[in-house]
């Protein structure tokens, strides 16, 4: 037993299994029972809240340096005996810290601290309160959306429900290190030189296999360009479209704010096209006159809808007539309650530019993705990549290729799907309890949910709700950030990055924030 939550013993606070029975004297002095470890005093724990109390004490000790990285925690049985609690209390507290990535099981070494929050830097004294800027107000109340996502990311919070972040604590460190050692043992000196700007041949071959198995795409390794995530793929495609004289690009509305800004930064004019229950409105796309469209057909961001069969056929007909489809295969791997749909690229390779990455599968920090374009556009994209950065880092590409070829990446995907599904279910339960008037969209797949507050009317601003939530320590995206034309207020909530108990607490705080607003007007 490594105390990482894999115990088969009950973890409930009131469990009586395998617990030493104290005598009357011990029972009378229960409040004095403690441990030499961190001078923990179980008498300070609230009734029925011992697990949360213990987890909070451990988090505080890791944050303030009393438990630095590398520290071995007491075995769960030992600490439970010292505190005279059930072993389940300790194992559940350890499990919560493991889910947040702060501790991990290390076999014979036991349970070890593996990560700690960065120490805050010294800052100059703050200006008086009447002069200090309200950064929360600046983020949520500014009409200018430039940089708002980065600004929100930089603000402190207790619970982060921002969308677009995977379960970073589940990153396969052991598998990555094993693959990295194998790569370093096999590479030649020539592999450390400048490589093909399209990417390492080994990764391009591995990507072809991955896409064939998981997305139904048949391609040749020579068609793959390795990029620094979908963001760079959009930048390169922006150059391609400008070279072809295409300045107006249609986008989904609502749709990704970041993707839209990437195109605007490249000098393109954005044309909004509405999204409904069937996905992008292809009739509206035709009427817009735009010659290119950026879309997320497998799992539309943020609504979560899948482009239906009839619209897929209409869209492919539009592309066959000369339109350019840019397919961002967002969240395609993360599906729970529906079968996968094939990528558009698999149906019309000559009319679809396809972009994917490992940012939501492994970690955004890797900055690795791939781009497939029609053969007659490939040379232009490769030239743009060459002059952008000469190609991605080779060692990371080779390690990722090994993970793909060995099946490690697919095993990781199966593992995180289960974790993500449990966290999604926790968020759905919490929404039903604390936000009963909210309508949930996109629960069948992905890493986020979209909520709309249909009963609140036009006088309710979701940016105000997001600001009130942040004041309580919870981050969330207002839906209006991702709209171009006005629409129903709502929130976009990510559930993949944090453990279930944090998700439940975060949604409860959102409910408190919402109750601070006037109730919706009664309808006649």
Protein backbone atom coordinates (compact mmCIF):
# COMPACT_ATOMS: atom_id res chain seq x y z
CA UNK A 1 0.00 0.00 0.00
CA UNK A 2 1.60 3.30 -1.09
CA UNK A 3 -1.10 5.49 0.47
CA UNK A 4 -2.14 6.92 -2.88
CA UNK A 5 -5.84 6.17 -2.53
CA UNK A 6 -5.75 2.64 -3.91
CA UNK A 7 -6.75 1.09 -0.59
CA UNK A 8 -9.82 -1.14 -0.56
CA UNK A 9 -10.64 -0.02 2.97
CA UNK A 10 -13.56 2.39 3.46
CA UNK A 11 -12.61 6.05 3.40
CA UNK A 12 -15.72 7.47 5.01
CA UNK A 13 -15.25 9.67 8.04
CA UNK A 14 -17.43 7.43 10.19
CA UNK A 15 -15.91 4.08 9.22
CA UNK A 16 -15.15 1.67 12.07
CA UNK A 17 -13.14 -0.85 10.09
CA UNK A 18 -9.79 -1.96 11.56
CA UNK A 19 -9.70 0.91 14.00
CA UNK A 20 -8.16 0.45 17.45
CA UNK A 21 -10.78 0.94 20.13
CA UNK A 22 -9.56 3.41 22.73
CA UNK A 23 -10.47 2.96 26.36
CA UNK A 24 -12.56 5.45 28.31
CA UNK A 25 -9.56 7.50 29.32
CA UNK A 26 -8.37 7.74 25.74
CA UNK A 27 -11.84 8.70 24.57
CA UNK A 28 -12.03 11.47 27.15
CA UNK A 29 -8.72 12.89 25.93
CA UNK A 30 -9.39 12.47 22.19
CA UNK A 31 -8.91 16.15 21.61
CA UNK A 32 -5.33 15.81 22.82
CA UNK A 33 -4.45 12.99 20.44
CA UNK A 34 -1.81 14.18 18.00
CA UNK A 35 1.29 13.30 16.04
CA UNK A 36 4.90 14.36 16.08
CA UNK A 37 4.56 14.77 12.31
CA UNK A 38 3.80 18.49 11.76
CA UNK A 39 2.48 18.56 15.36
CA UNK A 40 -0.93 17.59 14.01
CA UNK A 41 -3.68 17.76 16.64
CA UNK A 42 -6.79 15.88 15.56
CA UNK A 43 -8.77 17.77 18.16
CA UNK A 44 -8.61 20.82 15.89
CA UNK A 45 -10.51 19.01 13.14
CA UNK A 46 -14.22 19.85 12.83
CA UNK A 47 -16.71 17.06 13.38
CA UNK A 48 -17.18 15.13 10.16
CA UNK A 49 -14.39 17.05 8.45
CA UNK A 50 -11.22 15.23 9.42
CA UNK A 51 -10.21 14.35 5.86
CA UNK A 52 -10.52 17.93 4.60
CA UNK A 53 -8.73 19.22 7.69
CA UNK A 54 -5.80 16.85 7.23
CA UNK A 55 -5.53 17.58 3.50
CA UNK A 56 -5.51 21.34 4.19
CA UNK A 57 -2.76 20.96 6.82
CA UNK A 58 -0.61 19.00 4.39
CA UNK A 59 -1.18 21.51 1.59
CA UNK A 60 -0.19 24.38 3.88
CA UNK A 61 2.98 22.57 4.95
CA UNK A 62 3.95 21.95 1.31
CA UNK A 63 3.23 25.56 0.38
CA UNK A 64 5.23 27.13 3.23
CA UNK A 65 8.22 24.82 2.85
CA UNK A 66 7.83 22.64 5.93
CA UNK A 67 7.40 19.72 3.52
CA UNK A 68 9.80 20.47 0.65
CA UNK A 69 9.84 18.53 -2.61
CA UNK A 70 11.34 15.10 -2.00
CA UNK A 71 9.96 14.72 1.53
CA UNK A 72 8.63 11.27 2.32
CA UNK A 73 5.24 11.33 4.09
CA UNK A 74 4.42 8.88 6.88
CA UNK A 75 2.78 5.63 5.85
CA UNK A 76 -1.00 5.95 6.04
CA UNK A 77 -1.26 3.22 8.69
CA UNK A 78 1.34 4.88 10.90
CA UNK A 79 -0.21 8.34 10.71
CA UNK A 80 -3.71 6.96 11.25
CA UNK A 81 -2.57 5.16 14.40
CA UNK A 82 -0.86 8.28 15.74
CA UNK A 83 -3.97 10.40 15.16
CA UNK A 84 -6.35 7.61 16.21
CA UNK A 85 -8.43 7.93 13.06
CA UNK A 86 -9.37 5.37 10.46
CA UNK A 87 -6.77 4.69 7.83
CA UNK A 88 -9.32 5.76 5.23
CA UNK A 89 -9.15 9.35 6.52
CA UNK A 90 -5.42 9.48 5.80
CA UNK A 91 -5.54 7.67 2.45
CA UNK A 92 -8.34 9.95 1.22
CA UNK A 93 -6.37 13.06 2.27
CA UNK A 94 -3.31 11.69 0.45
CA UNK A 95 -5.46 10.92 -2.62
CA UNK A 96 -6.69 14.50 -2.80
CA UNK A 97 -3.14 15.84 -2.78
CA UNK A 98 -2.12 13.26 -5.38
CA UNK A 99 -4.94 14.38 -7.68
CA UNK A 100 -3.73 17.98 -7.44
CA UNK A 101 -0.20 16.83 -8.35
CA UNK A 102 1.52 17.68 -5.06
CA UNK A 103 2.37 14.15 -3.88
CA UNK A 104 2.87 10.82 -5.64
CA UNK A 105 3.50 7.18 -4.82
CA UNK A 106 7.07 6.08 -5.39
CA UNK A 107 6.89 2.33 -4.74
CA UNK A 108 9.26 1.34 -1.95
CA UNK A 109 9.97 4.97 -1.21
CA UNK A 110 6.34 5.44 -0.19
CA UNK A 111 4.45 8.67 -0.71
CA UNK A 112 6.65 11.62 -1.64
CA UNK A 113 6.10 15.36 -2.12
CA UNK A 114 6.71 16.01 -5.83
CA UNK A 115 5.51 19.60 -6.42
CA UNK A 116 5.04 22.79 -4.44
CA UNK A 117 3.57 26.19 -5.35
CA UNK A 118 6.12 28.74 -6.51
CA UNK A 119 7.14 31.13 -3.74
CA UNK A 120 5.70 34.62 -4.27
CA UNK A 121 8.18 37.23 -5.34
CA UNK A 122 8.77 40.29 -3.25
CA UNK A 123 6.68 43.15 -4.53
CA UNK A 124 6.84 46.86 -3.88
CA UNK A 125 4.22 48.20 -1.44
CA UNK A 126 0.76 48.45 -2.94
CA UNK A 127 -0.72 51.84 -3.62
CA UNK A 128 -3.47 53.02 -1.24
CA UNK A 129 -6.76 51.27 -1.86
CA UNK A 130 -8.37 54.36 -3.38
CA UNK A 131 -5.59 54.52 -5.95
CA UNK A 132 -4.90 50.83 -6.58
CA UNK A 133 -6.37 49.52 -9.83
CA UNK A 134 -9.02 46.82 -9.55
CA UNK A 135 -7.48 44.17 -11.79
CA UNK A 136 -10.61 42.03 -11.59
CA UNK A 137 -12.71 44.89 -12.91
CA UNK A 138 -10.14 45.58 -15.61
CA UNK A 139 -10.25 41.98 -16.84
CA UNK A 140 -14.01 41.48 -16.86
CA UNK A 141 -15.35 44.96 -17.54
CA UNK A 142 -13.12 46.10 -20.35
CA UNK A 143 -14.75 46.13 -23.78
CA UNK A 144 -11.33 45.33 -25.30
CA UNK A 145 -10.78 41.56 -25.35
CA UNK A 146 -7.10 41.84 -26.25
CA UNK A 147 -5.06 39.74 -23.81
CA UNK A 148 -7.93 39.12 -21.38
CA UNK A 149 -7.35 35.35 -21.18
CA UNK A 150 -3.67 35.85 -20.32
CA UNK A 151 -4.60 38.56 -17.82
CA UNK A 152 -7.10 36.26 -16.10
CA UNK A 153 -4.59 33.41 -16.06
CA UNK A 154 -2.12 35.63 -14.17
CA UNK A 155 -4.59 36.53 -11.40
CA UNK A 156 -4.46 34.48 -8.17
CA UNK A 157 -7.37 32.24 -7.21
CA UNK A 158 -8.30 29.32 -4.96
CA UNK A 159 -10.05 27.19 -7.58
CA UNK A 160 -9.44 27.48 -11.33
CA UNK A 161 -12.34 26.38 -13.52
CA UNK A 162 -10.96 28.00 -16.67
CA UNK A 163 -11.54 25.94 -19.82
CA UNK A 164 -8.81 24.54 -22.04
CA UNK A 165 -6.55 22.97 -19.39
CA UNK A 166 -6.14 19.16 -19.17
CA UNK A 167 -5.31 17.08 -16.09
CA UNK A 168 -1.70 18.23 -15.77
CA UNK A 169 -1.18 16.14 -12.62
CA UNK A 170 -1.76 13.03 -14.75
CA UNK A 171 1.16 13.78 -17.09
CA UNK A 172 2.90 10.39 -17.63
CA UNK A 173 6.22 11.34 -16.04
CA UNK A 174 7.46 7.77 -15.69
CA UNK A 175 6.60 6.87 -19.29
CA UNK A 176 8.08 10.13 -20.57
CA UNK A 177 11.37 9.57 -18.69
CA UNK A 178 11.54 5.98 -19.92
CA UNK A 179 11.01 7.11 -23.52
CA UNK A 180 13.50 9.96 -23.10
CA UNK A 181 16.20 7.62 -21.82
CA UNK A 182 15.60 5.27 -24.75
CA UNK A 183 15.80 8.16 -27.22
CA UNK A 184 19.02 9.55 -25.74
CA UNK A 185 20.57 6.10 -25.83
CA UNK A 186 19.79 5.68 -29.52
CA UNK A 187 20.21 9.09 -31.18
CA UNK A 188 23.27 9.80 -33.29
CA UNK A 189 25.31 13.01 -33.20
CA UNK A 190 23.65 14.07 -36.44
CA UNK A 191 20.27 14.08 -34.70
CA UNK A 192 21.40 17.08 -32.63
CA UNK A 193 21.81 19.26 -35.70
CA UNK A 194 19.29 21.29 -37.67
CA UNK A 195 16.56 19.03 -38.95
CA UNK A 196 13.80 19.10 -41.51
CA UNK A 197 11.56 22.15 -40.84
CA UNK A 198 8.57 19.85 -41.39
CA UNK A 199 9.60 17.96 -38.24
CA UNK A 200 11.47 14.80 -37.29
CA UNK A 201 10.61 11.95 -39.68
CA UNK A 202 9.99 9.63 -36.72
CA UNK A 203 7.28 11.89 -35.30
CA UNK A 204 5.68 12.52 -38.69
CA UNK A 205 5.41 8.75 -39.18
CA UNK A 206 3.99 8.33 -35.68
CA UNK A 207 1.44 11.12 -36.23
CA UNK A 208 0.26 9.43 -39.42
CA UNK A 209 -0.35 6.22 -37.47
CA UNK A 210 -2.05 8.08 -34.63
CA UNK A 211 -4.42 9.91 -36.99
CA UNK A 212 -5.23 6.71 -38.89
CA UNK A 213 -6.11 4.85 -35.67
CA UNK A 214 -7.93 7.63 -33.87
CA UNK A 215 -9.29 10.10 -36.44
CA UNK A 216 -9.81 8.05 -39.60
CA UNK A 217 -7.29 10.14 -41.57
CA UNK A 218 -5.07 8.52 -44.19
CA UNK A 219 -1.98 10.56 -44.93
CA UNK A 220 1.66 10.27 -45.90
CA UNK A 221 4.42 11.39 -43.50
CA UNK A 222 5.59 13.89 -46.11
CA UNK A 223 2.22 15.68 -45.78
CA UNK A 224 2.67 16.34 -42.04
CA UNK A 225 4.19 19.56 -40.73
CA UNK A 226 5.08 19.54 -37.02
CA UNK A 227 4.17 22.87 -35.40
CA UNK A 228 4.26 24.55 -31.98
CA UNK A 229 0.60 23.84 -31.23
CA UNK A 230 -2.57 24.86 -33.02
CA UNK A 231 -1.72 28.53 -32.40
CA UNK A 232 1.27 28.31 -34.74
CA UNK A 233 -0.74 26.23 -37.19
CA UNK A 234 -3.23 29.11 -37.45
CA UNK A 235 -0.43 31.62 -37.88
CA UNK A 236 1.06 29.60 -40.75
CA UNK A 237 -2.34 29.11 -42.37
CA UNK A 238 -2.95 32.84 -42.04
CA UNK A 239 0.12 33.46 -44.19
CA UNK A 240 -1.10 30.85 -46.68
CA UNK A 241 -4.53 32.49 -46.96
CA UNK A 242 -3.03 35.95 -47.43
CA UNK A 243 -0.79 34.59 -50.17
CA UNK A 244 -3.94 33.36 -51.92
CA UNK A 245 -5.63 36.73 -51.54
CA UNK A 246 -8.04 35.59 -48.82
CA UNK A 247 -8.48 38.30 -46.18
CA UNK A 248 -11.97 37.54 -44.84
CA UNK A 249 -12.24 34.37 -42.74
CA UNK A 250 -15.47 33.03 -41.30
CA UNK A 251 -15.47 31.78 -37.71
CA UNK A 252 -18.00 30.06 -35.48
CA UNK A 253 -20.08 32.32 -33.23
CA UNK A 254 -19.76 31.56 -30.40
CA UNK A 255 -16.24 30.29 -30.94
CA UNK A 256 -12.76 30.37 -29.47
CA UNK A 257 -11.65 33.90 -28.56
CA UNK A 258 -7.99 32.91 -28.79
CA UNK A 259 -8.30 31.39 -32.26
CA UNK A 260 -10.21 34.42 -33.49
CA UNK A 261 -7.55 36.77 -32.13
CA UNK A 262 -4.80 34.70 -33.79
CA UNK A 263 -6.37 35.36 -37.19
CA UNK A 264 -7.03 39.03 -36.42
CA UNK A 265 -3.39 39.49 -35.41
CA UNK A 266 -2.42 38.12 -38.82
CA UNK A 267 -4.43 40.86 -40.52
CA UNK A 268 -7.63 38.96 -41.36
CA UNK A 269 -11.15 40.30 -41.13
CA UNK A 270 -13.38 38.02 -39.06
CA UNK A 271 -16.86 37.10 -40.28
CA UNK A 272 -19.13 35.53 -37.62
CA UNK A 273 -21.30 32.57 -38.61
CA UNK A 274 -23.89 31.32 -36.09
CA UNK A 275 -23.72 27.93 -34.41
CA UNK A 276 -26.83 26.03 -33.31
CA UNK A 277 -27.67 22.47 -32.24
CA UNK A 278 -26.47 21.14 -35.63
CA UNK A 279 -23.16 23.00 -35.59
CA UNK A 280 -22.04 25.74 -37.94
CA UNK A 281 -24.84 27.13 -40.14
CA UNK A 282 -23.46 26.32 -43.61
CA UNK A 283 -26.22 28.34 -45.31
CA UNK A 284 -25.08 31.41 -43.39
CA UNK A 285 -21.50 30.60 -44.35
CA UNK A 286 -22.43 30.63 -48.04
CA UNK A 287 -24.31 33.90 -47.60
CA UNK A 288 -21.32 35.52 -45.86
CA UNK A 289 -19.20 35.41 -49.02
CA UNK A 290 -16.11 34.31 -47.02
CA UNK A 291 -13.78 31.99 -48.92
CA UNK A 292 -12.32 30.32 -45.81
CA UNK A 293 -13.75 29.13 -42.50
CA UNK A 294 -12.15 28.13 -39.20
CA UNK A 295 -14.18 25.59 -37.25
CA UNK A 296 -14.14 22.86 -34.57
CA UNK A 297 -16.52 20.26 -36.07
CA UNK A 298 -15.78 17.27 -33.81
CA UNK A 299 -16.45 19.14 -30.55
CA UNK A 300 -17.38 22.75 -31.11
CA UNK A 301 -15.90 25.25 -28.70
CA UNK A 302 -17.59 26.32 -26.50
CA UNK A 303 -21.04 24.77 -27.16
CA UNK A 304 -19.79 21.16 -27.44
CA UNK A 305 -22.08 20.33 -30.39
CA UNK A 306 -20.97 18.01 -33.19
CA UNK A 307 -21.43 19.11 -36.80
CA UNK A 308 -24.34 16.95 -37.98
CA UNK A 309 -24.35 14.76 -41.08
CA UNK A 310 -26.36 17.02 -43.36
CA UNK A 311 -24.23 20.05 -42.61
CA UNK A 312 -21.04 18.05 -43.05
CA UNK A 313 -22.20 17.17 -46.56
CA UNK A 314 -23.14 20.79 -47.29
CA UNK A 315 -19.80 22.02 -45.94
CA UNK A 316 -17.81 19.55 -48.02
CA UNK A 317 -19.77 20.60 -51.10
CA UNK A 318 -18.89 24.24 -50.30
CA UNK A 319 -15.22 23.25 -49.97
CA UNK A 320 -15.31 21.30 -53.25
CA UNK A 321 -16.47 24.51 -54.94
CA UNK A 322 -13.28 26.30 -53.83
CA UNK A 323 -13.82 27.12 -50.18
CA UNK A 324 -11.02 26.48 -47.66
CA UNK A 325 -11.93 24.64 -44.44
CA UNK A 326 -9.51 25.02 -41.51
CA UNK A 327 -10.35 22.13 -39.16
CA UNK A 328 -9.20 22.56 -35.57
CA UNK A 329 -9.71 19.04 -34.18
CA UNK A 330 -10.32 20.45 -30.70
CA UNK A 331 -10.90 17.93 -27.88
CA UNK A 332 -11.63 15.18 -30.41
CA UNK A 333 -9.99 12.47 -28.27
CA UNK A 334 -11.93 13.28 -25.09
CA UNK A 335 -15.33 11.66 -25.60
CA UNK A 336 -17.48 9.94 -22.98
CA UNK A 337 -21.11 9.51 -24.02
CA UNK A 338 -21.01 9.44 -27.80
CA UNK A 339 -19.14 7.53 -30.52
CA UNK A 340 -16.30 9.32 -32.32
CA UNK A 341 -17.00 11.15 -35.56
CA UNK A 342 -14.39 11.04 -38.34
CA UNK A 343 -12.41 14.16 -39.05
CA UNK A 344 -13.51 16.27 -42.02
CA UNK A 345 -9.99 15.85 -43.40
CA UNK A 346 -10.66 12.12 -43.80
CA UNK A 347 -13.53 12.90 -46.22
CA UNK A 348 -12.00 15.66 -48.37
CA UNK A 349 -8.19 15.85 -48.06
CA UNK A 350 -7.87 18.30 -50.97
CA UNK A 351 -10.19 20.87 -49.39
CA UNK A 352 -9.40 20.72 -45.67
CA UNK A 353 -6.43 22.07 -43.70
CA UNK A 354 -6.25 20.00 -40.51
CA UNK A 355 -4.64 21.04 -37.19
CA UNK A 356 -4.22 19.03 -33.98
CA UNK A 357 -1.92 18.94 -30.97
CA UNK A 358 -1.07 17.20 -27.69
CA UNK A 359 -1.89 20.29 -25.60
CA UNK A 360 -5.16 18.81 -24.27
CA UNK A 361 -3.88 15.24 -24.32
CA UNK A 362 -0.55 15.68 -22.48
CA UNK A 363 0.30 19.31 -21.68
CA UNK A 364 0.30 22.71 -23.41
CA UNK A 365 3.89 23.26 -22.24
CA UNK A 366 5.19 20.73 -24.77
CA UNK A 367 4.17 23.05 -27.64
CA UNK A 368 3.83 20.21 -30.15
CA UNK A 369 1.12 19.85 -32.77
CA UNK A 370 0.70 18.92 -36.41
CA UNK A 371 -0.72 20.48 -39.55
CA UNK A 372 -1.90 18.76 -42.73
CA UNK A 373 -2.68 20.82 -45.81
CA UNK A 374 -3.63 19.91 -49.39
CA UNK A 375 -0.60 18.98 -51.54
CA UNK A 376 -0.78 22.12 -53.67
CA UNK A 377 -0.43 24.28 -50.54
CA UNK A 378 2.25 22.27 -48.74
CA UNK A 379 5.34 24.10 -50.06
CA UNK A 380 3.96 27.48 -48.96
CA UNK A 381 3.33 26.23 -45.43
CA UNK A 382 6.73 24.53 -45.15
CA UNK A 383 8.45 27.74 -46.25
CA UNK A 384 6.50 29.72 -43.66
CA UNK A 385 7.51 27.22 -40.95
CA UNK A 386 11.16 27.34 -42.02
CA UNK A 387 11.33 31.11 -41.75
CA UNK A 388 9.36 31.13 -38.50
CA UNK A 389 11.72 28.97 -36.41
CA UNK A 390 13.59 26.36 -38.51
CA UNK A 391 11.46 23.64 -36.91
CA UNK A 392 10.46 22.37 -33.46
CA UNK A 393 12.88 20.93 -30.89
CA UNK A 394 13.91 17.48 -32.10
CA UNK A 395 14.34 15.66 -28.79
CA UNK A 396 10.78 16.37 -27.66
CA UNK A 397 9.53 15.16 -31.04
CA UNK A 398 11.47 11.90 -30.76
CA UNK A 399 10.20 11.22 -27.24
CA UNK A 400 6.61 11.87 -28.32
CA UNK A 401 7.07 9.59 -31.34
CA UNK A 402 8.21 6.81 -29.05
CA UNK A 403 5.18 7.28 -26.78
CA UNK A 404 2.89 7.06 -29.81
CA UNK A 405 4.61 4.03 -31.34
CA UNK A 406 4.79 2.09 -28.07
CA UNK A 407 1.10 2.52 -27.24
CA UNK A 408 1.94 4.54 -24.11
CA UNK A 409 0.02 7.57 -25.38
CA UNK A 410 -3.14 5.56 -25.98
CA UNK A 411 -2.86 4.00 -22.52
CA UNK A 412 -2.54 7.50 -21.10
CA UNK A 413 -5.61 8.61 -23.05
CA UNK A 414 -7.68 5.74 -21.63
CA UNK A 415 -6.47 6.65 -18.13
CA UNK A 416 -7.31 10.36 -18.32
CA UNK A 417 -10.67 9.69 -19.95
CA UNK A 418 -11.76 7.91 -16.79
CA UNK A 419 -10.47 10.72 -14.57
CA UNK A 420 -12.04 13.40 -16.74
CA UNK A 421 -15.36 11.60 -16.83
CA UNK A 422 -15.48 11.36 -13.02
CA UNK A 423 -14.71 15.07 -12.75
CA UNK A 424 -17.31 15.95 -15.36
CA UNK A 425 -19.88 13.95 -13.40
CA UNK A 426 -18.87 15.77 -10.22
CA UNK A 427 -19.39 19.12 -11.95
CA UNK A 428 -22.79 18.07 -13.32
CA UNK A 429 -23.94 17.02 -9.85
CA UNK A 430 -22.68 20.27 -8.35
CA UNK A 431 -24.43 22.35 -11.03
CA UNK A 432 -27.70 20.54 -10.39
CA UNK A 433 -27.36 21.31 -6.68
CA UNK A 434 -25.96 24.85 -6.67
CA UNK A 435 -26.98 26.29 -10.08
CA UNK A 436 -30.41 24.73 -10.67
CA UNK A 437 -31.46 27.39 -13.18
CA UNK A 438 -28.46 26.84 -15.45
CA UNK A 439 -28.72 24.95 -18.73
CA UNK A 440 -25.77 22.64 -19.47
CA UNK A 441 -24.33 22.24 -22.97
CA UNK A 442 -21.66 19.88 -24.33
CA UNK A 443 -21.45 17.23 -21.61
CA UNK A 444 -20.85 14.30 -23.98
CA UNK A 445 -17.19 15.08 -24.68
CA UNK A 446 -14.36 17.49 -24.11
CA UNK A 447 -12.81 19.11 -21.04
CA UNK A 448 -15.39 21.82 -20.31
CA UNK A 449 -19.08 22.56 -19.99
CA UNK A 450 -20.95 25.58 -21.26
CA UNK A 451 -23.71 26.99 -19.07
CA UNK A 452 -26.40 29.42 -20.13
CA UNK A 453 -28.75 31.31 -17.84
CA UNK A 454 -31.74 31.56 -20.14
CA UNK A 455 -34.10 32.88 -17.46
CA UNK A 456 -31.97 35.89 -16.59
CA UNK A 457 -32.85 38.03 -19.59
CA UNK A 458 -30.79 40.67 -21.34
CA UNK A 459 -30.12 42.76 -18.23
CA UNK A 460 -27.86 40.09 -16.71
CA UNK A 461 -24.15 40.34 -17.60
CA UNK A 462 -22.07 37.19 -17.35
CA UNK A 463 -18.91 39.27 -16.95
CA UNK A 464 -20.35 40.58 -13.67
CA UNK A 465 -20.97 37.01 -12.52
CA UNK A 466 -17.41 35.98 -13.46
CA UNK A 467 -16.06 38.99 -11.55
CA UNK A 468 -18.15 38.10 -8.47
CA UNK A 469 -16.92 34.50 -8.69
CA UNK A 470 -13.29 35.62 -8.85
CA UNK A 471 -13.86 37.76 -5.77
CA UNK A 472 -14.75 34.48 -4.03
CA UNK A 473 -11.59 32.83 -5.42
CA UNK A 474 -13.01 31.00 -8.45
CA UNK A 475 -11.94 31.56 -12.07
CA UNK A 476 -14.34 30.99 -14.96
CA UNK A 477 -14.77 32.37 -18.47
CA UNK A 478 -17.85 34.48 -19.22
CA UNK A 479 -19.51 33.12 -22.35
CA UNK A 480 -19.67 36.63 -23.82
CA UNK A 481 -15.87 36.57 -24.22
CA UNK A 482 -16.33 33.93 -26.90
CA UNK A 483 -19.22 35.64 -28.68
CA UNK A 484 -19.03 38.21 -31.46
CA UNK A 485 -22.75 38.99 -31.66
CA UNK A 486 -24.84 39.37 -28.48
CA UNK A 487 -26.45 36.27 -27.03
CA UNK A 488 -27.58 34.56 -23.87
CA UNK A 489 -25.36 35.10 -20.81
CA UNK A 490 -23.41 32.13 -19.56
CA UNK A 491 -20.14 30.66 -18.34
CA UNK A 492 -17.57 28.26 -19.75
CA UNK A 493 -16.24 25.97 -17.01
CA UNK A 494 -13.28 23.59 -17.27
CA UNK A 495 -13.39 20.42 -15.16
CA UNK A 496 -10.26 18.49 -16.17
CA UNK A 497 -7.53 20.24 -14.20
CA UNK A 498 -8.72 19.85 -10.60
CA UNK A 499 -9.94 17.08 -8.30
CA UNK A 500 -13.64 16.47 -7.76
CA UNK A 501 -13.83 18.09 -4.32
CA UNK A 502 -12.38 21.35 -5.71
CA UNK A 503 -14.84 21.28 -8.61
CA UNK A 504 -17.76 20.83 -6.21
CA UNK A 505 -16.53 23.66 -3.97
CA UNK A 506 -15.94 25.94 -6.96
CA UNK A 507 -19.44 25.42 -8.34
CA UNK A 508 -20.90 25.98 -4.87
CA UNK A 509 -19.09 29.34 -4.73
CA UNK A 510 -20.44 30.17 -8.19
CA UNK A 511 -23.90 29.49 -6.83
CA UNK A 512 -23.23 31.89 -3.94
CA UNK A 513 -22.04 34.53 -6.39
CA UNK A 514 -25.15 34.10 -8.56
CA UNK A 515 -27.46 34.44 -5.57
CA UNK A 516 -25.96 37.88 -5.00
CA UNK A 517 -27.65 39.13 -8.18
CA UNK A 518 -31.29 40.20 -8.41
CA UNK A 519 -33.61 37.26 -9.16
CA UNK A 520 -34.84 36.92 -12.74
CA UNK A 521 -37.94 38.83 -13.66
CA UNK A 522 -41.13 36.80 -13.54
CA UNK A 523 -42.59 36.01 -16.94
CA UNK A 524 -46.30 36.69 -17.48
